[in-house]
C-alpha atoms as a PDB file:
ATOM      1  CA  MET A   1       0.014   0.004  -0.063  1.00  0.00           C
ATOM      2  CA  ASN A   2       1.394   3.449  -1.047  1.00  0.00           C
ATOM      3  CA  VAL A   3       0.944   6.732   0.716  1.00  0.00           C
ATOM      4  CA  ASN A   4      -2.095   7.588  -1.633  1.00  0.00           C
ATOM      5  CA  GLU A   5      -4.027   4.584  -0.527  1.00  0.00           C
ATOM      6  CA  PHE A   6      -3.143   4.927   3.178  1.00  0.00           C
ATOM      7  CA  GLY A   7      -3.990   8.567   3.380  1.00  0.00           C
ATOM      8  CA  PHE A   8      -7.271   8.281   1.278  1.00  0.00           C
ATOM      9  CA  LEU A   9      -8.330   5.068   3.400  1.00  0.00           C
ATOM     10  CA  TRP A  10      -7.769   7.032   6.601  1.00  0.00           C
ATOM     11  CA  TYR A  11      -9.733   9.861   5.455  1.00  0.00           C
ATOM     12  CA  LEU A  12     -12.597   7.582   4.400  1.00  0.00           C
ATOM     13  CA  GLN A  13     -12.587   5.843   7.674  1.00  0.00           C
ATOM     14  CA  SER A  14     -12.451   8.892   9.856  1.00  0.00           C
ATOM     15  CA  SER A  15     -15.054  10.950   8.000  1.00  0.00           C
ATOM     16  CA  SER A  16     -17.443   7.824   7.788  1.00  0.00           C
ATOM     17  CA  ASN A  17     -17.030   7.273  11.628  1.00  0.00           C
ATOM     18  CA  MET A  18     -18.101  10.937  12.225  1.00  0.00           C
ATOM     19  CA  VAL A  19     -20.931  10.908   9.716  1.00  0.00           C
ATOM     20  CA  ASN A  20     -22.196   7.604  11.194  1.00  0.00           C
ATOM     21  CA  ILE A  21     -23.013   9.250  14.553  1.00  0.00           C
ATOM     22  CA  PHE A  22     -24.633  12.174  12.758  1.00  0.00           C
ATOM     23  CA  LEU A  23     -26.894   9.784  10.656  1.00  0.00           C
ATOM     24  CA  LYS A  24     -28.237   8.092  13.749  1.00  0.00           C
ATOM     25  CA  ASN A  25     -30.031  11.351  14.726  1.00  0.00           C
ATOM     26  CA  LEU A  26     -31.412  11.951  11.191  1.00  0.00           C
ATOM     27  CA  ILE A  27     -32.653   8.362  10.933  1.00  0.00           C
ATOM     28  CA  ASP A  28     -34.632   8.628  14.315  1.00  0.00           C
ATOM     29  CA  THR A  29     -36.085  12.023  13.488  1.00  0.00           C
ATOM     30  CA  ALA A  30     -37.020  11.694   9.751  1.00  0.00           C
ATOM     31  CA  GLU A  31     -40.756  11.446   9.423  1.00  0.00           C
ATOM     32  CA  ASP A  32     -41.346  10.583   5.679  1.00  0.00           C
ATOM     33  CA  LYS A  33     -41.234   6.960   4.972  1.00  0.00           C
ATOM     34  CA  ASP A  34     -39.389   7.239   1.592  1.00  0.00           C
ATOM     35  CA  LEU A  35     -36.633   9.452   3.298  1.00  0.00           C
ATOM     36  CA  ARG A  36     -36.191   6.872   5.989  1.00  0.00           C
ATOM     37  CA  SER A  37     -35.656   4.151   3.385  1.00  0.00           C
ATOM     38  CA  VAL A  38     -32.931   6.429   1.681  1.00  0.00           C
ATOM     39  CA  LEU A  39     -31.298   6.973   5.125  1.00  0.00           C
ATOM     40  CA  ASP A  40     -31.185   3.393   5.728  1.00  0.00           C
ATOM     41  CA  GLU A  41     -29.300   2.963   2.462  1.00  0.00           C
ATOM     42  CA  ILE A  42     -26.924   5.730   3.382  1.00  0.00           C
ATOM     43  CA  ASN A  43     -26.387   4.284   6.790  1.00  0.00           C
ATOM     44  CA  SER A  44     -25.680   0.908   5.485  1.00  0.00           C
ATOM     45  CA  LEU A  45     -23.097   2.271   2.945  1.00  0.00           C
ATOM     46  CA  SER A  46     -21.460   4.551   5.458  1.00  0.00           C
ATOM     47  CA  SER A  47     -21.128   1.734   8.030  1.00  0.00           C
ATOM     48  CA  PHE A  48     -19.571  -0.474   5.298  1.00  0.00           C
ATOM     49  CA  GLN A  49     -17.214   2.133   4.388  1.00  0.00           C
ATOM     50  CA  GLU A  50     -15.932   2.596   7.891  1.00  0.00           C
ATOM     51  CA  LYS A  51     -15.739  -1.120   8.591  1.00  0.00           C
ATOM     52  CA  GLU A  52     -13.971  -1.952   5.464  1.00  0.00           C
ATOM     53  CA  ALA A  53     -11.562   0.982   5.422  1.00  0.00           C
ATOM     54  CA  THR A  54     -10.743   0.054   9.067  1.00  0.00           C
ATOM     55  CA  LYS A  55     -10.080  -3.631   8.102  1.00  0.00           C
ATOM     56  CA  ILE A  56      -7.788  -2.784   5.306  1.00  0.00           C
ATOM     57  CA  LEU A  57      -5.808  -0.436   7.445  1.00  0.00           C
ATOM     58  CA  ASN A  58      -5.791  -3.140  10.152  1.00  0.00           C
ATOM     59  CA  ASP A  59      -4.340  -5.783   7.813  1.00  0.00           C
ATOM     60  CA  SER A  60      -1.726  -3.168   6.904  1.00  0.00           C
ATOM     61  CA  GLY A  61      -0.582  -2.965  10.473  1.00  0.00           C
ATOM     62  CA  TYR A  62      -2.371   0.368  11.327  1.00  0.00           C
ATOM     63  CA  ASN A  63      -4.801   0.109  14.377  1.00  0.00           C
ATOM     64  CA  GLU A  64      -6.546   3.044  15.805  1.00  0.00           C
ATOM     65  CA  THR A  65      -9.678   3.482  18.099  1.00  0.00           C
ATOM     66  CA  PRO A  66     -12.437   5.269  16.336  1.00  0.00           C
ATOM     67  CA  PHE A  67     -12.318   9.124  17.193  1.00  0.00           C
ATOM     68  CA  PHE A  68     -16.182   9.389  17.614  1.00  0.00           C
ATOM     69  CA  SER A  69     -18.419   6.951  19.456  1.00  0.00           C
ATOM     70  CA  GLU A  70     -21.949   6.847  21.023  1.00  0.00           C
ATOM     71  CA  VAL A  71     -20.746   9.229  23.694  1.00  0.00           C
ATOM     72  CA  ASP A  72     -21.011  12.008  21.067  1.00  0.00           C
ATOM     73  CA  LEU A  73     -24.707  11.291  20.503  1.00  0.00           C
ATOM     74  CA  TYR A  74     -26.473  12.651  23.550  1.00  0.00           C
ATOM     75  CA  ASN A  75     -30.103  12.124  22.251  1.00  0.00           C
ATOM     76  CA  SER A  76     -30.935  10.779  18.835  1.00  0.00           C
ATOM     77  CA  SER A  77     -34.579  11.646  19.122  1.00  0.00           C
ATOM     78  CA  ILE A  78     -34.084  15.533  19.248  1.00  0.00           C
ATOM     79  CA  LYS A  79     -35.203  16.768  15.909  1.00  0.00           C
ATOM     80  CA  LEU A  80     -33.129  19.651  14.621  1.00  0.00           C
ATOM     81  CA  PHE A  81     -34.186  19.426  10.894  1.00  0.00           C
ATOM     82  CA  THR A  82     -37.308  19.203   8.798  1.00  0.00           C
ATOM     83  CA  ASP A  83     -37.326  16.395   6.239  1.00  0.00           C
ATOM     84  CA  GLN A  84     -36.771  18.806   3.327  1.00  0.00           C
ATOM     85  CA  LEU A  85     -33.566  20.041   4.876  1.00  0.00           C
ATOM     86  CA  ILE A  86     -32.424  16.325   5.765  1.00  0.00           C
ATOM     87  CA  ILE A  87     -32.555  15.718   2.125  1.00  0.00           C
ATOM     88  CA  GLU A  88     -30.785  18.847   1.238  1.00  0.00           C
ATOM     89  CA  ILE A  89     -27.991  17.923   3.611  1.00  0.00           C
ATOM     90  CA  LEU A  90     -27.749  14.396   2.312  1.00  0.00           C
ATOM     91  CA  LYS A  91     -27.711  15.595  -1.184  1.00  0.00           C
ATOM     92  CA  HIS A  92     -24.804  17.896  -0.411  1.00  0.00           C
ATOM     93  CA  ILE A  93     -22.788  15.307   1.492  1.00  0.00           C
ATOM     94  CA  THR A  94     -23.284  12.409  -0.908  1.00  0.00           C
ATOM     95  CA  GLY A  95     -22.760  14.495  -4.046  1.00  0.00           C
ATOM     96  CA  ASN A  96     -19.551  15.992  -2.696  1.00  0.00           C
ATOM     97  CA  GLY A  97     -18.391  12.490  -1.348  1.00  0.00           C
ATOM     98  CA  MET A  98     -18.697  11.249  -4.938  1.00  0.00           C
ATOM     99  CA  ARG A  99     -16.406  14.034  -6.183  1.00  0.00           C
ATOM    100  CA  VAL A 100     -13.818  13.316  -3.572  1.00  0.00           C
ATOM    101  CA  LEU A 101     -13.864   9.604  -4.069  1.00  0.00           C
ATOM    102  CA  ALA A 102     -13.822   9.766  -7.720  1.00  0.00           C
ATOM    103  CA  SER A 103     -10.605  12.109  -7.627  1.00  0.00           C
ATOM    104  CA  GLN A 104      -9.018   9.707  -5.262  1.00  0.00           C
ATOM    105  CA  TYR A 105      -9.921   6.509  -7.257  1.00  0.00           C
ATOM    106  CA  SER A 106      -7.769   7.653 -10.130  1.00  0.00           C
ATOM    107  CA  GLU A 107      -4.736   7.856  -7.872  1.00  0.00           C
ATOM    108  CA  LEU A 108      -5.090   4.316  -6.544  1.00  0.00           C
ATOM    109  CA  ALA A 109      -2.650   1.474  -7.375  1.00  0.00           C
ATOM    110  CA  ASP A 110      -3.550  -1.389  -5.159  1.00  0.00           C
ATOM    111  CA  MET A 111      -6.207  -3.274  -6.783  1.00  0.00           C
ATOM    112  CA  ASN A 112      -8.016  -4.358  -3.653  1.00  0.00           C
ATOM    113  CA  VAL A 113      -8.319  -0.716  -2.535  1.00  0.00           C
ATOM    114  CA  LYS A 114      -9.373   0.326  -6.018  1.00  0.00           C
ATOM    115  CA  LYS A 115     -12.232  -2.355  -6.033  1.00  0.00           C
ATOM    116  CA  PHE A 116     -13.369  -1.080  -2.642  1.00  0.00           C
ATOM    117  CA  PHE A 117     -13.535   2.452  -3.772  1.00  0.00           C
ATOM    118  CA  SER A 118     -15.281   1.276  -7.042  1.00  0.00           C
ATOM    119  CA  GLU A 119     -17.968  -0.445  -4.988  1.00  0.00           C
ATOM    120  CA  VAL A 120     -18.477   2.524  -2.833  1.00  0.00           C
ATOM    121  CA  LEU A 121     -18.791   4.935  -5.883  1.00  0.00           C
ATOM    122  CA  THR A 122     -21.257   2.807  -7.493  1.00  0.00           C
ATOM    123  CA  LYS A 123     -23.530   2.602  -4.332  1.00  0.00           C
ATOM    124  CA  LEU A 124     -23.112   6.308  -3.869  1.00  0.00           C
ATOM    125  CA  ILE A 125     -24.354   6.954  -7.427  1.00  0.00           C
ATOM    126  CA  GLN A 126     -27.523   4.932  -6.821  1.00  0.00           C
ATOM    127  CA  ILE A 127     -28.107   6.838  -3.640  1.00  0.00           C
ATOM    128  CA  ASP A 128     -27.645  10.076  -5.257  1.00  0.00           C
ATOM    129  CA  GLU A 129     -30.189   8.907  -7.751  1.00  0.00           C
ATOM    130  CA  SER A 130     -32.535   8.058  -4.997  1.00  0.00           C
ATOM    131  CA  LEU A 131     -32.081  11.368  -3.354  1.00  0.00           C
ATOM    132  CA  LEU A 132     -32.754  13.139  -6.675  1.00  0.00           C
ATOM    133  CA  GLY A 133     -35.807  11.060  -7.208  1.00  0.00           C
ATOM    134  CA  LEU A 134     -37.076  12.107  -3.550  1.00  0.00           C
ATOM    135  CA  LEU A 135     -36.437  15.778  -4.327  1.00  0.00           C
ATOM    136  CA  LYS A 136     -38.423  15.479  -7.593  1.00  0.00           C
ATOM    137  CA  GLU A 137     -41.294  13.453  -6.021  1.00  0.00           C
ATOM    138  CA  LYS A 138     -41.543  16.064  -3.158  1.00  0.00           C
ATOM    139  CA  ASN A 139     -41.450  19.014  -5.672  1.00  0.00           C
ATOM    140  CA  LEU A 140     -38.373  20.213  -3.840  1.00  0.00           C
ATOM    141  CA  LEU A 141     -36.116  20.167  -6.825  1.00  0.00           C
ATOM    142  CA  GLN A 142     -34.307  23.594  -7.652  1.00  0.00           C
ATOM    143  CA  ASN A 143     -34.469  23.459 -11.312  1.00  0.00           C
ATOM    144  CA  SER A 144     -35.103  27.069 -12.360  1.00  0.00           C
ATOM    145  CA  PRO A 145     -35.790  27.792 -16.179  1.00  0.00           C
ATOM    146  CA  PHE A 146     -33.410  30.006 -18.153  1.00  0.00           C
ATOM    147  CA  LEU A 147     -32.731  31.474 -21.534  1.00  0.00           C
ATOM    148  CA  TYR A 148     -29.560  30.997 -23.443  1.00  0.00           C
ATOM    149  CA  MET A 149     -28.002  32.050 -26.789  1.00  0.00           C
ATOM    150  CA  LYS A 150     -24.843  31.056 -28.730  1.00  0.00           C
ATOM    151  CA  ALA A 151     -21.689  33.059 -28.126  1.00  0.00           C
ATOM    152  CA  HIS A 152     -21.189  36.065 -30.363  1.00  0.00           C
ATOM    153  CA  GLU A 153     -18.783  35.929 -33.314  1.00  0.00           C
ATOM    154  CA  ARG A 154     -16.060  38.294 -32.488  1.00  0.00           C
ATOM    155  CA  GLU A 155     -14.900  39.819 -35.928  1.00  0.00           C
ATOM    156  CA  SER A 156     -12.539  42.529 -34.790  1.00  0.00           C
ATOM    157  CA  LYS A 157      -9.150  41.506 -33.748  1.00  0.00           C
ATOM    158  CA  LEU A 158      -8.658  44.647 -31.854  1.00  0.00           C
ATOM    159  CA  PHE A 159     -11.573  44.166 -29.442  1.00  0.00           C
ATOM    160  CA  LYS A 160     -11.688  40.514 -29.440  1.00  0.00           C
ATOM    161  CA  VAL A 161      -9.983  39.819 -26.195  1.00  0.00           C
ATOM    162  CA  ILE A 162     -11.719  42.768 -24.408  1.00  0.00           C
ATOM    163  CA  SER A 163     -15.197  41.426 -25.571  1.00  0.00           C
ATOM    164  CA  THR A 164     -14.454  38.102 -23.805  1.00  0.00           C
ATOM    165  CA  GLN A 165     -14.557  40.271 -20.605  1.00  0.00           C
ATOM    166  CA  LEU A 166     -17.470  42.293 -21.343  1.00  0.00           C
ATOM    167  CA  ARG A 167     -20.109  39.744 -21.442  1.00  0.00           C
ATOM    168  CA  PRO A 168     -22.567  37.725 -19.280  1.00  0.00           C
ATOM    169  CA  LEU A 169     -21.141  34.539 -17.636  1.00  0.00           C
ATOM    170  CA  ASN A 170     -21.168  31.550 -19.863  1.00  0.00           C
ATOM    171  CA  ALA A 171     -23.192  28.242 -19.225  1.00  0.00           C
ATOM    172  CA  VAL A 172     -19.827  26.429 -18.021  1.00  0.00           C
ATOM    173  CA  GLU A 173     -19.044  29.335 -15.563  1.00  0.00           C
ATOM    174  CA  LEU A 174     -22.558  29.360 -14.182  1.00  0.00           C
ATOM    175  CA  GLY A 175     -22.658  25.470 -14.023  1.00  0.00           C
ATOM    176  CA  HIS A 176     -19.549  25.348 -11.852  1.00  0.00           C
ATOM    177  CA  MET A 177     -21.215  27.908  -9.407  1.00  0.00           C
ATOM    178  CA  TYR A 178     -24.120  25.765  -8.425  1.00  0.00           C
ATOM    179  CA  SER A 179     -22.193  23.550  -6.014  1.00  0.00           C
ATOM    180  CA  PRO A 180     -20.692  26.467  -3.962  1.00  0.00           C
ATOM    181  CA  LEU A 181     -24.258  28.044  -3.837  1.00  0.00           C
ATOM    182  CA  GLN A 182     -25.748  24.914  -2.488  1.00  0.00           C
ATOM    183  CA  CYS A 183     -22.727  24.259  -0.176  1.00  0.00           C
ATOM    184  CA  ASN A 184     -23.354  27.708   1.509  1.00  0.00           C
ATOM    185  CA  ASN A 185     -27.000  27.078   1.640  1.00  0.00           C
ATOM    186  CA  VAL A 186     -26.578  24.120   3.659  1.00  0.00           C
ATOM    187  CA  GLY A 187     -23.868  25.770   5.596  1.00  0.00           C
ATOM    188  CA  VAL A 188     -26.047  28.441   6.714  1.00  0.00           C
ATOM    189  CA  ALA A 189     -28.544  25.951   8.071  1.00  0.00           C
ATOM    190  CA  LEU A 190     -26.131  23.787   9.866  1.00  0.00           C
ATOM    191  CA  CYS A 191     -24.402  26.763  11.560  1.00  0.00           C
ATOM    192  CA  ALA A 192     -27.761  28.164  12.503  1.00  0.00           C
ATOM    193  CA  ALA A 193     -28.875  24.988  14.103  1.00  0.00           C
ATOM    194  CA  PHE A 194     -25.484  24.234  15.936  1.00  0.00           C
ATOM    195  CA  ALA A 195     -25.122  27.781  17.194  1.00  0.00           C
ATOM    196  CA  ASP A 196     -28.384  27.659  19.187  1.00  0.00           C
ATOM    197  CA  ILE A 197     -27.504  24.440  20.889  1.00  0.00           C
ATOM    198  CA  VAL A 198     -23.812  24.343  21.328  1.00  0.00           C
ATOM    199  CA  LYS A 199     -22.549  24.833  25.007  1.00  0.00           C
ATOM    200  CA  ASP A 200     -19.027  25.821  24.425  1.00  0.00           C
ATOM    201  CA  GLU A 201     -18.823  29.617  23.941  1.00  0.00           C
ATOM    202  CA  GLU A 202     -15.889  29.651  21.500  1.00  0.00           C
ATOM    203  CA  SER A 203     -17.716  26.991  19.235  1.00  0.00           C
ATOM    204  CA  LYS A 204     -20.834  29.126  19.385  1.00  0.00           C
ATOM    205  CA  GLN A 205     -18.857  32.136  18.081  1.00  0.00           C
ATOM    206  CA  LEU A 206     -17.361  29.869  15.408  1.00  0.00           C
ATOM    207  CA  PHE A 207     -20.976  28.843  14.364  1.00  0.00           C
ATOM    208  CA  ASN A 208     -22.166  32.298  14.135  1.00  0.00           C
ATOM    209  CA  ASP A 209     -19.132  33.435  12.205  1.00  0.00           C
ATOM    210  CA  GLY A 210     -19.885  30.507   9.936  1.00  0.00           C
ATOM    211  CA  LYS A 211     -23.506  31.416   9.519  1.00  0.00           C
ATOM    212  CA  LYS A 212     -22.706  35.017   8.554  1.00  0.00           C
ATOM    213  CA  LEU A 213     -20.024  33.880   6.206  1.00  0.00           C
ATOM    214  CA  ALA A 214     -22.317  31.303   4.511  1.00  0.00           C
ATOM    215  CA  PHE A 215     -25.126  33.790   4.195  1.00  0.00           C
ATOM    216  CA  HIS A 216     -22.754  36.311   2.584  1.00  0.00           C
ATOM    217  CA  GLN A 217     -21.277  33.801   0.137  1.00  0.00           C
ATOM    218  CA  ALA A 218     -24.787  32.587  -0.878  1.00  0.00           C
ATOM    219  CA  ALA A 219     -26.118  36.029  -1.170  1.00  0.00           C
ATOM    220  CA  THR A 220     -22.966  36.937  -3.441  1.00  0.00           C
ATOM    221  CA  LEU A 221     -23.350  33.936  -5.618  1.00  0.00           C
ATOM    222  CA  SER A 222     -27.217  34.307  -5.849  1.00  0.00           C
ATOM    223  CA  ASP A 223     -26.681  37.991  -7.030  1.00  0.00           C
ATOM    224  CA  ILE A 224     -24.325  36.662  -9.739  1.00  0.00           C
ATOM    225  CA  PHE A 225     -26.796  34.135 -10.965  1.00  0.00           C
ATOM    226  CA  ARG A 226     -29.589  36.700 -11.027  1.00  0.00           C
ATOM    227  CA  GLU A 227     -27.397  39.271 -12.877  1.00  0.00           C
ATOM    228  CA  ASN A 228     -27.039  36.458 -15.573  1.00  0.00           C
ATOM    229  CA  GLY A 229     -30.644  35.701 -15.727  1.00  0.00           C
ATOM    230  CA  VAL A 230     -30.738  32.543 -13.580  1.00  0.00           C
ATOM    231  CA  SER A 231     -33.150  32.602 -10.426  1.00  0.00           C
ATOM    232  CA  THR A 232     -31.934  30.741  -7.328  1.00  0.00           C
ATOM    233  CA  THR A 233     -33.361  29.665  -4.083  1.00  0.00           C
ATOM    234  CA  THR A 234     -31.866  30.242  -0.707  1.00  0.00           C
ATOM    235  CA  GLY A 235     -33.170  30.228   3.061  1.00  0.00           C
ATOM    236  CA  LEU A 236     -32.760  26.579   4.178  1.00  0.00           C
ATOM    237  CA  GLU A 237     -32.050  27.890   7.675  1.00  0.00           C
ATOM    238  CA  SER A 238     -35.857  28.388   7.934  1.00  0.00           C
ATOM    239  CA  PHE A 239     -36.185  24.658   7.915  1.00  0.00           C
ATOM    240  CA  VAL A 240     -34.176  24.409  11.297  1.00  0.00           C
ATOM    241  CA  HIS A 241     -36.298  23.339  14.397  1.00  0.00           C
ATOM    242  CA  ASN A 242     -35.811  25.131  17.635  1.00  0.00           C
ATOM    243  CA  ALA A 243     -34.356  22.754  20.135  1.00  0.00           C
ATOM    244  CA  HIS A 244     -33.686  23.257  23.821  1.00  0.00           C
ATOM    245  CA  GLU A 245     -30.872  20.724  24.021  1.00  0.00           C
ATOM    246  CA  SER A 246     -28.288  19.257  21.701  1.00  0.00           C
ATOM    247  CA  PRO A 247     -28.274  15.720  20.231  1.00  0.00           C
ATOM    248  CA  PHE A 248     -24.588  15.935  19.613  1.00  0.00           C
ATOM    249  CA  SER A 249     -21.418  16.807  21.524  1.00  0.00           C
ATOM    250  CA  ASP A 250     -19.868  20.052  20.917  1.00  0.00           C
ATOM    251  CA  ARG A 251     -16.780  18.348  19.353  1.00  0.00           C
ATOM    252  CA  LEU A 252     -18.848  16.524  16.899  1.00  0.00           C
ATOM    253  CA  MET A 253     -20.604  19.465  15.644  1.00  0.00           C
ATOM    254  CA  THR A 254     -17.514  21.450  15.307  1.00  0.00           C
ATOM    255  CA  ASN A 255     -15.738  18.789  13.440  1.00  0.00           C
ATOM    256  CA  LEU A 256     -18.751  18.292  11.170  1.00  0.00           C
ATOM    257  CA  ILE A 257     -18.449  21.840  10.047  1.00  0.00           C
ATOM    258  CA  MET A 258     -14.851  21.729   9.621  1.00  0.00           C
ATOM    259  CA  PHE A 259     -15.215  18.590   7.505  1.00  0.00           C
ATOM    260  CA  LEU A 260     -17.619  20.388   5.231  1.00  0.00           C
ATOM    261  CA  ASN A 261     -15.515  23.522   4.987  1.00  0.00           C
ATOM    262  CA  PRO A 262     -12.728  22.321   2.637  1.00  0.00           C
ATOM    263  CA  ILE A 263     -15.454  21.134   0.338  1.00  0.00           C
ATOM    264  CA  GLY A 264     -16.554  24.842   0.055  1.00  0.00           C
ATOM    265  CA  ILE A 265     -12.861  25.791  -0.796  1.00  0.00           C
ATOM    266  CA  ILE A 266     -12.752  22.859  -3.510  1.00  0.00           C
ATOM    267  CA  ASN A 267     -16.177  23.970  -5.126  1.00  0.00           C
ATOM    268  CA  LEU A 268     -15.000  27.654  -5.326  1.00  0.00           C
ATOM    269  CA  GLN A 269     -11.706  26.683  -6.797  1.00  0.00           C
ATOM    270  CA  ASN A 270     -13.327  24.552  -9.469  1.00  0.00           C
ATOM    271  CA  ALA A 271     -15.553  27.588 -10.391  1.00  0.00           C
ATOM    272  CA  ALA A 272     -12.527  29.844 -10.553  1.00  0.00           C
ATOM    273  CA  VAL A 273     -10.550  27.587 -12.816  1.00  0.00           C
ATOM    274  CA  SER A 274     -13.468  27.213 -15.264  1.00  0.00           C
ATOM    275  CA  SER A 275     -13.756  30.916 -15.928  1.00  0.00           C
ATOM    276  CA  TYR A 276     -11.613  33.178 -18.055  1.00  0.00           C
ATOM    277  CA  LYS A 277     -13.445  36.322 -17.091  1.00  0.00           C
ATOM    278  CA  LYS A 278     -11.212  38.416 -14.961  1.00  0.00           C
ATOM    279  CA  ASN A 279     -13.537  40.167 -12.639  1.00  0.00           C
ATOM    280  CA  HIS A 280     -15.508  36.968 -11.959  1.00  0.00           C
ATOM    281  CA  VAL A 281     -12.368  34.966 -10.946  1.00  0.00           C
ATOM    282  CA  LYS A 282     -11.581  37.911  -8.585  1.00  0.00           C
ATOM    283  CA  ILE A 283     -14.832  37.632  -6.826  1.00  0.00           C
ATOM    284  CA  LEU A 284     -14.366  33.834  -6.519  1.00  0.00           C
ATOM    285  CA  SER A 285     -10.913  34.329  -5.162  1.00  0.00           C
ATOM    286  CA  GLU A 286     -11.979  36.788  -2.526  1.00  0.00           C
ATOM    287  CA  LEU A 287     -14.874  34.224  -1.494  1.00  0.00           C
ATOM    288  CA  MET A 288     -12.110  31.548  -1.156  1.00  0.00           C
ATOM    289  CA  GLU A 289      -9.908  33.676   0.937  1.00  0.00           C
ATOM    290  CA  GLN A 290     -12.845  34.292   3.317  1.00  0.00           C
ATOM    291  CA  VAL A 291     -13.347  30.408   3.775  1.00  0.00           C
ATOM    292  CA  GLN A 292      -9.765  29.854   4.202  1.00  0.00           C
ATOM    293  CA  SER A 293      -9.725  32.382   7.024  1.00  0.00           C
ATOM    294  CA  PHE A 294     -12.721  30.832   8.675  1.00  0.00           C
ATOM    295  CA  SER A 295     -11.081  27.257   8.257  1.00  0.00           C
ATOM    296  CA  GLU A 296      -7.885  28.575  10.046  1.00  0.00           C
ATOM    297  CA  LYS A 297      -9.957  29.849  13.038  1.00  0.00           C
ATOM    298  CA  GLY A 298     -11.844  26.395  13.165  1.00  0.00           C
ATOM    299  CA  PHE A 299      -8.453  24.496  13.061  1.00  0.00           C
ATOM    300  CA  LYS A 300      -7.125  26.554  15.901  1.00  0.00           C
ATOM    301  CA  LEU A 301     -10.169  25.853  17.930  1.00  0.00           C
ATOM    302  CA  LEU A 302     -10.064  22.223  17.384  1.00  0.00           C
ATOM    303  CA  VAL A 303      -6.475  21.870  18.314  1.00  0.00           C
ATOM    304  CA  LYS A 304      -7.023  24.172  21.378  1.00  0.00           C
ATOM    305  CA  LYS A 305      -9.877  22.034  22.671  1.00  0.00           C
ATOM    306  CA  GLY A 306      -8.261  18.776  22.010  1.00  0.00           C
ATOM    307  CA  TRP A 307     -10.839  17.959  19.435  1.00  0.00           C
ATOM    308  CA  PHE A 308      -8.650  17.593  16.465  1.00  0.00           C
ATOM    309  CA  ASN A 309      -8.518  14.135  14.802  1.00  0.00           C
ATOM    310  CA  GLU A 310      -4.980  14.465  13.423  1.00  0.00           C
ATOM    311  CA  PRO A 311      -4.092  12.106  10.600  1.00  0.00           C
ATOM    312  CA  PRO A 312      -1.169   9.658  11.023  1.00  0.00           C
ATOM    313  CA  LEU A 313       2.283  11.015  10.128  1.00  0.00           C
ATOM    314  CA  THR A 314       5.068   9.635   8.045  1.00  0.00           C
ATOM    315  CA  SER A 315       8.054   8.305   9.718  1.00  0.00           C
ATOM    316  CA  ARG A 316      11.121  10.297   8.626  1.00  0.00           C
ATOM    317  CA  SER A 317      14.434  11.323   9.716  1.00  0.00           C
ATOM    318  CA  ILE A 318      15.119  15.104   9.992  1.00  0.00           C
ATOM    319  CA  LYS A 319      18.963  15.872   9.224  1.00  0.00           C
END
């Protein structure tokens, strides 16, 4: 096993371990029978991911106690999210999970690990289709109509480059912005929910900062969509239930937000590299800097509180 496989397996095992605790609450509080059926599928896959990744790591000589356990789930019956918000959260996590696994899959050289990742990816695709069907069936699918036209022919050599900047965003640029928008929509809701129930004051401040940041980013991206003739929907935080106590430990909630935070950066990076319009790239770069600053604050908090699940280090000699 090379360093790619070891690192990817550890990441899959640790993230599955965290998500599995989170899922227990969603399973116990979801009301719609179709949603509960999909949640059972996701729980089965996530449990398989954690178990199989742990086994492969153990067989390679690496043994470690799971970072999160039942002690991080205080009360699985406390309902934080409406069914609609649960679907949106699951769609976000599974969709981005597919992206990460697909990129990691291409770097794998061990056939056993590659087959494992292939099996997980196949099941994730099926679950993603189930969630999409659920959104469609419940009339929750955000599928706004829009008008388009072919790019203009640019005859003048003198103004050809300038005209590529003085134009609306193209379909590729807008397409790559959808994931960052949805990521922030879900981020606003999660931060709002956790800020109301977390006990640790520093974590509460982090969640409130995260809520403001995600709201700002969602508003900025929505404005860009509207300026280019595409309507969007925000406001998932309105689907958060008022709860008087927390179903989760403070460290689980903080780690979950920090787990999703890098996904926001990756989504913005993908949107930026897909564009050749300078002012658009500048806006996206500024949004990335804001997320990176928030990520740094969150990392320092995790380390300070002893909540950071640090990946294994390579053995090396320092000369």
